[in-house]
């Protein structure tokens, strides 16, 4: 008569496989969280750079730091003359990533 059930070796192998799958899941979810935070910072820097570009061109404002969703966004501007055109360059980034976005506008 055969007993129904699993041997100890089969149970240990099944637990090891499940543990490895769970650890891979944890590693991937951590990387996804890091990527989403970086994407958020990049989006916020882009918004701040576009705002500063408009303020620079139309209202004459200059470099500034702004807070968006508890992130400090640093924005810098620079002007150049190139073949009769005035080039406005705006850079924006967070404290840990100095320059994430660089925009240009020619007038």
N, C-alpha and C. Protein backbone atom coordinates (compact mmCIF):
# COMPACT_ATOMS: atom_id res chain seq x y z
N UNK A 1 0.83 -1.16 0.00
CA UNK A 1 0.00 0.00 0.00
C UNK A 1 0.89 1.24 0.00
N UNK A 2 0.60 2.20 -0.90
CA UNK A 2 1.39 3.43 -1.03
C UNK A 2 0.75 4.54 -0.22
N UNK A 3 1.61 5.31 0.43
CA UNK A 3 1.12 6.48 1.17
C UNK A 3 1.06 7.67 0.24
N UNK A 4 0.03 8.48 0.40
CA UNK A 4 -0.10 9.69 -0.40
C UNK A 4 0.58 10.82 0.34
N UNK A 5 1.27 11.67 -0.39
CA UNK A 5 1.94 12.82 0.22
C UNK A 5 3.29 13.06 -0.43
N UNK A 6 4.03 13.99 0.15
CA UNK A 6 5.33 14.39 -0.39
C UNK A 6 6.43 13.96 0.57
N UNK A 7 7.59 13.68 0.00
CA UNK A 7 8.73 13.36 0.85
C UNK A 7 9.35 14.66 1.35
N UNK A 8 10.20 14.55 2.33
CA UNK A 8 10.86 15.73 2.89
C UNK A 8 11.73 16.41 1.84
N UNK A 9 12.40 15.67 1.00
CA UNK A 9 13.24 16.25 -0.04
C UNK A 9 12.41 17.07 -1.03
N UNK A 10 11.25 16.57 -1.42
CA UNK A 10 10.39 17.31 -2.34
C UNK A 10 9.90 18.61 -1.71
N UNK A 11 9.58 18.59 -0.44
CA UNK A 11 9.12 19.79 0.25
C UNK A 11 10.25 20.81 0.34
N UNK A 12 11.46 20.38 0.66
CA UNK A 12 12.60 21.29 0.76
C UNK A 12 12.89 21.94 -0.60
N UNK A 13 12.85 21.16 -1.67
CA UNK A 13 13.09 21.71 -3.00
C UNK A 13 12.00 22.71 -3.38
N UNK A 14 10.75 22.41 -3.07
CA UNK A 14 9.65 23.31 -3.39
C UNK A 14 9.78 24.63 -2.62
N UNK A 15 10.16 24.55 -1.35
CA UNK A 15 10.34 25.76 -0.54
C UNK A 15 11.52 26.58 -1.08
N UNK A 16 12.59 25.93 -1.50
CA UNK A 16 13.75 26.65 -2.05
C UNK A 16 13.38 27.37 -3.34
N UNK A 17 12.63 26.71 -4.21
CA UNK A 17 12.21 27.34 -5.46
C UNK A 17 11.29 28.53 -5.17
N UNK A 18 10.36 28.37 -4.25
CA UNK A 18 9.45 29.47 -3.91
C UNK A 18 10.23 30.63 -3.29
N UNK A 19 11.23 30.33 -2.47
CA UNK A 19 12.05 31.38 -1.86
C UNK A 19 12.84 32.16 -2.89
N UNK A 20 13.41 31.46 -3.87
CA UNK A 20 14.15 32.15 -4.93
C UNK A 20 13.22 33.03 -5.76
N UNK A 21 12.04 32.54 -6.07
CA UNK A 21 11.09 33.33 -6.85
C UNK A 21 10.67 34.58 -6.07
N UNK A 22 10.46 34.44 -4.78
CA UNK A 22 10.07 35.59 -3.96
C UNK A 22 11.21 36.61 -3.86
N UNK A 23 12.45 36.14 -3.74
CA UNK A 23 13.57 37.08 -3.66
C UNK A 23 13.75 37.84 -4.98
N UNK A 24 13.55 37.18 -6.11
CA UNK A 24 13.61 37.87 -7.40
C UNK A 24 12.51 38.92 -7.48
N UNK A 25 11.32 38.60 -7.00
CA UNK A 25 10.21 39.56 -6.97
C UNK A 25 10.57 40.77 -6.13
N UNK A 26 11.18 40.58 -4.97
CA UNK A 26 11.57 41.71 -4.12
C UNK A 26 12.62 42.59 -4.79
N UNK A 27 13.60 41.98 -5.42
CA UNK A 27 14.64 42.75 -6.10
C UNK A 27 14.05 43.58 -7.24
N UNK A 28 13.20 42.97 -8.04
CA UNK A 28 12.59 43.69 -9.17
C UNK A 28 11.66 44.80 -8.70
N UNK A 29 10.92 44.58 -7.63
CA UNK A 29 10.02 45.64 -7.14
C UNK A 29 10.82 46.81 -6.59
N UNK A 30 11.97 46.56 -6.00
CA UNK A 30 12.83 47.65 -5.54
C UNK A 30 13.38 48.47 -6.69
N UNK A 31 13.77 47.81 -7.76
CA UNK A 31 14.28 48.53 -8.93
C UNK A 31 13.17 49.32 -9.62
N UNK A 32 11.97 48.79 -9.64
CA UNK A 32 10.85 49.52 -10.23
C UNK A 32 10.58 50.78 -9.42
N UNK A 33 10.67 50.69 -8.10
CA UNK A 33 10.46 51.87 -7.25
C UNK A 33 11.53 52.93 -7.51
N UNK A 34 12.79 52.52 -7.65
CA UNK A 34 13.87 53.47 -7.95
C UNK A 34 13.64 54.15 -9.30
N UNK A 35 13.23 53.38 -10.29
CA UNK A 35 13.00 53.93 -11.62
C UNK A 35 11.84 54.91 -11.62
N UNK A 36 10.79 54.61 -10.86
CA UNK A 36 9.65 55.53 -10.83
C UNK A 36 10.00 56.83 -10.13
N UNK A 37 10.84 56.79 -9.10
CA UNK A 37 11.27 58.02 -8.43
C UNK A 37 12.12 58.85 -9.38
N UNK A 38 13.02 58.22 -10.11
CA UNK A 38 13.85 58.94 -11.08
C UNK A 38 12.99 59.55 -12.18
N UNK A 39 11.99 58.83 -12.63
CA UNK A 39 11.08 59.36 -13.65
C UNK A 39 10.30 60.56 -13.12
N UNK A 40 9.87 60.50 -11.86
CA UNK A 40 9.16 61.62 -11.26
C UNK A 40 10.06 62.85 -11.18
N UNK A 41 11.31 62.66 -10.75
CA UNK A 41 12.25 63.79 -10.66
C UNK A 41 12.52 64.38 -12.04
N UNK A 42 12.64 63.53 -13.04
CA UNK A 42 12.87 64.03 -14.40
C UNK A 42 11.67 64.83 -14.90
N UNK A 43 10.48 64.36 -14.62
CA UNK A 43 9.27 65.08 -15.03
C UNK A 43 9.17 66.43 -14.34
N UNK A 44 9.42 66.45 -13.03
CA UNK A 44 9.36 67.70 -12.28
C UNK A 44 10.43 68.68 -12.75
N UNK A 45 11.62 68.18 -13.07
CA UNK A 45 12.67 69.05 -13.59
C UNK A 45 12.29 69.63 -14.94
N UNK A 46 11.64 68.84 -15.77
CA UNK A 46 11.20 69.33 -17.07
C UNK A 46 10.16 70.42 -16.92
N UNK A 47 9.22 70.24 -16.01
CA UNK A 47 8.20 71.26 -15.76
C UNK A 47 8.85 72.55 -15.27
N UNK A 48 9.78 72.43 -14.32
CA UNK A 48 10.45 73.62 -13.79
C UNK A 48 11.27 74.31 -14.88
N UNK A 49 11.93 73.54 -15.73
CA UNK A 49 12.74 74.14 -16.80
C UNK A 49 11.86 74.88 -17.80
N UNK A 50 10.73 74.30 -18.17
CA UNK A 50 9.82 74.99 -19.09
C UNK A 50 9.27 76.27 -18.47
N UNK A 51 8.92 76.21 -17.18
CA UNK A 51 8.43 77.41 -16.51
C UNK A 51 9.49 78.50 -16.48
N UNK A 52 10.73 78.13 -16.14
CA UNK A 52 11.81 79.12 -16.08
C UNK A 52 12.11 79.67 -17.47
N UNK A 53 12.03 78.82 -18.49
CA UNK A 53 12.26 79.30 -19.85
C UNK A 53 11.23 80.36 -20.23
N UNK A 54 9.97 80.10 -19.92
CA UNK A 54 8.94 81.10 -20.20
C UNK A 54 9.14 82.37 -19.38
N UNK A 55 9.47 82.21 -18.09
CA UNK A 55 9.69 83.38 -17.24
C UNK A 55 10.90 84.18 -17.71
N UNK A 56 11.92 83.51 -18.17
CA UNK A 56 13.13 84.19 -18.64
C UNK A 56 12.84 84.98 -19.91
N UNK A 57 12.19 84.34 -20.86
CA UNK A 57 11.95 84.97 -22.16
C UNK A 57 10.94 86.10 -22.04
N UNK A 58 9.87 85.89 -21.30
CA UNK A 58 8.78 86.86 -21.30
C UNK A 58 8.80 87.84 -20.13
N UNK A 59 9.39 87.45 -19.00
CA UNK A 59 9.35 88.33 -17.83
C UNK A 59 10.72 88.71 -17.30
N UNK A 60 11.79 88.16 -17.85
CA UNK A 60 13.14 88.55 -17.45
C UNK A 60 13.59 88.00 -16.11
N UNK A 61 12.98 86.95 -15.60
CA UNK A 61 13.42 86.38 -14.32
C UNK A 61 14.66 85.52 -14.54
N UNK A 62 15.36 85.22 -13.44
CA UNK A 62 16.64 84.51 -13.56
C UNK A 62 16.64 83.22 -12.75
N UNK A 63 17.84 82.74 -12.45
CA UNK A 63 18.03 81.46 -11.76
C UNK A 63 17.20 81.41 -10.49
N UNK A 64 16.73 80.20 -10.19
CA UNK A 64 15.95 80.06 -8.96
C UNK A 64 15.87 78.60 -8.56
N UNK A 65 15.52 78.41 -7.31
CA UNK A 65 15.21 77.08 -6.79
C UNK A 65 13.72 77.06 -6.49
N UNK A 66 13.10 75.95 -6.79
CA UNK A 66 11.67 75.83 -6.51
C UNK A 66 11.41 74.47 -5.89
N UNK A 67 10.35 74.39 -5.13
CA UNK A 67 9.96 73.14 -4.50
C UNK A 67 8.69 72.63 -5.16
N UNK A 68 8.75 71.42 -5.67
CA UNK A 68 7.59 70.77 -6.27
C UNK A 68 7.48 69.39 -5.63
N UNK A 69 6.36 69.13 -4.99
CA UNK A 69 6.11 67.85 -4.33
C UNK A 69 7.26 67.44 -3.41
N UNK A 70 7.73 68.35 -2.60
CA UNK A 70 8.81 68.13 -1.63
C UNK A 70 10.17 67.83 -2.26
N UNK A 71 10.33 68.09 -3.54
CA UNK A 71 11.63 67.98 -4.20
C UNK A 71 12.13 69.38 -4.52
N UNK A 72 13.39 69.63 -4.19
CA UNK A 72 13.99 70.92 -4.52
C UNK A 72 14.55 70.84 -5.94
N UNK A 73 14.02 71.66 -6.82
CA UNK A 73 14.45 71.69 -8.21
C UNK A 73 15.28 72.94 -8.43
N UNK A 74 16.53 72.77 -8.85
CA UNK A 74 17.41 73.90 -9.15
C UNK A 74 17.34 74.17 -10.64
N UNK A 75 17.13 75.44 -10.99
CA UNK A 75 17.07 75.81 -12.40
C UNK A 75 18.07 76.93 -12.66
N UNK A 76 18.85 76.80 -13.73
CA UNK A 76 19.85 77.80 -14.11
C UNK A 76 19.59 78.23 -15.54
N UNK A 77 19.93 79.47 -15.84
CA UNK A 77 19.77 79.96 -17.20
C UNK A 77 21.07 80.56 -17.69
N UNK A 78 21.22 80.60 -19.00
CA UNK A 78 22.39 81.20 -19.62
C UNK A 78 21.97 81.76 -20.98
N UNK A 79 22.60 82.85 -21.39
CA UNK A 79 22.28 83.48 -22.67
C UNK A 79 23.52 83.46 -23.56
N UNK A 80 23.31 83.29 -24.85
CA UNK A 80 24.38 83.36 -25.84
C UNK A 80 23.87 84.12 -27.05
N UNK A 81 24.80 84.72 -27.76
CA UNK A 81 24.48 85.30 -29.06
C UNK A 81 25.12 84.40 -30.11
N UNK A 82 24.33 83.96 -31.08
CA UNK A 82 24.83 83.07 -32.11
C UNK A 82 24.24 83.50 -33.45
N UNK A 83 25.08 84.07 -34.30
CA UNK A 83 24.69 84.50 -35.64
C UNK A 83 23.45 85.39 -35.62
N UNK A 84 23.43 86.34 -34.71
CA UNK A 84 22.34 87.29 -34.63
C UNK A 84 21.13 86.82 -33.84
N UNK A 85 21.16 85.60 -33.34
CA UNK A 85 20.05 85.09 -32.54
C UNK A 85 20.45 85.06 -31.07
N UNK A 86 19.50 85.31 -30.21
CA UNK A 86 19.73 85.21 -28.76
C UNK A 86 19.28 83.82 -28.35
N UNK A 87 20.22 83.03 -27.83
CA UNK A 87 19.94 81.66 -27.42
C UNK A 87 19.77 81.65 -25.90
N UNK A 88 18.65 81.14 -25.44
CA UNK A 88 18.40 80.98 -24.01
C UNK A 88 18.56 79.51 -23.68
N UNK A 89 19.46 79.20 -22.75
CA UNK A 89 19.68 77.81 -22.32
C UNK A 89 19.24 77.69 -20.88
N UNK A 90 18.39 76.72 -20.59
CA UNK A 90 17.90 76.49 -19.23
C UNK A 90 18.24 75.06 -18.84
N UNK A 91 18.83 74.90 -17.65
CA UNK A 91 19.13 73.58 -17.11
C UNK A 91 18.37 73.43 -15.80
N UNK A 92 17.86 72.23 -15.55
CA UNK A 92 17.14 71.98 -14.30
C UNK A 92 17.45 70.57 -13.82
N UNK A 93 17.45 70.43 -12.51
CA UNK A 93 17.70 69.13 -11.90
C UNK A 93 17.44 69.17 -10.42
N UNK A 94 17.53 68.03 -9.77
CA UNK A 94 17.34 67.95 -8.33
C UNK A 94 18.69 68.08 -7.64
N UNK A 95 18.67 68.03 -6.31
CA UNK A 95 19.92 68.18 -5.57
C UNK A 95 20.88 67.02 -5.83
N UNK A 96 20.35 65.81 -5.96
CA UNK A 96 21.24 64.67 -6.18
C UNK A 96 21.60 64.47 -7.65
N UNK A 97 20.78 64.95 -8.56
CA UNK A 97 21.08 64.91 -10.00
C UNK A 97 21.09 66.34 -10.50
N UNK A 98 22.27 66.93 -10.59
CA UNK A 98 22.38 68.37 -10.89
C UNK A 98 21.67 68.76 -12.18
N UNK A 99 21.94 68.07 -13.28
CA UNK A 99 21.31 68.46 -14.53
C UNK A 99 20.57 67.27 -15.12
N UNK A 100 19.26 67.34 -15.09
CA UNK A 100 18.44 66.28 -15.67
C UNK A 100 17.82 66.73 -16.98
N UNK A 101 17.61 68.04 -17.14
CA UNK A 101 16.93 68.58 -18.32
C UNK A 101 17.72 69.78 -18.82
N UNK A 102 17.84 69.90 -20.13
CA UNK A 102 18.47 71.06 -20.73
C UNK A 102 17.61 71.50 -21.91
N UNK A 103 17.13 72.74 -21.87
CA UNK A 103 16.26 73.28 -22.91
C UNK A 103 16.92 74.47 -23.58
N UNK A 104 16.64 74.66 -24.85
CA UNK A 104 17.15 75.80 -25.61
C UNK A 104 15.99 76.48 -26.31
N UNK A 105 16.10 77.80 -26.43
CA UNK A 105 15.15 78.55 -27.24
C UNK A 105 15.90 79.67 -27.93
N UNK A 106 15.65 79.83 -29.21
CA UNK A 106 16.32 80.88 -30.00
C UNK A 106 15.32 81.98 -30.29
N UNK A 107 15.77 83.23 -30.17
CA UNK A 107 14.93 84.41 -30.46
C UNK A 107 15.65 85.29 -31.43
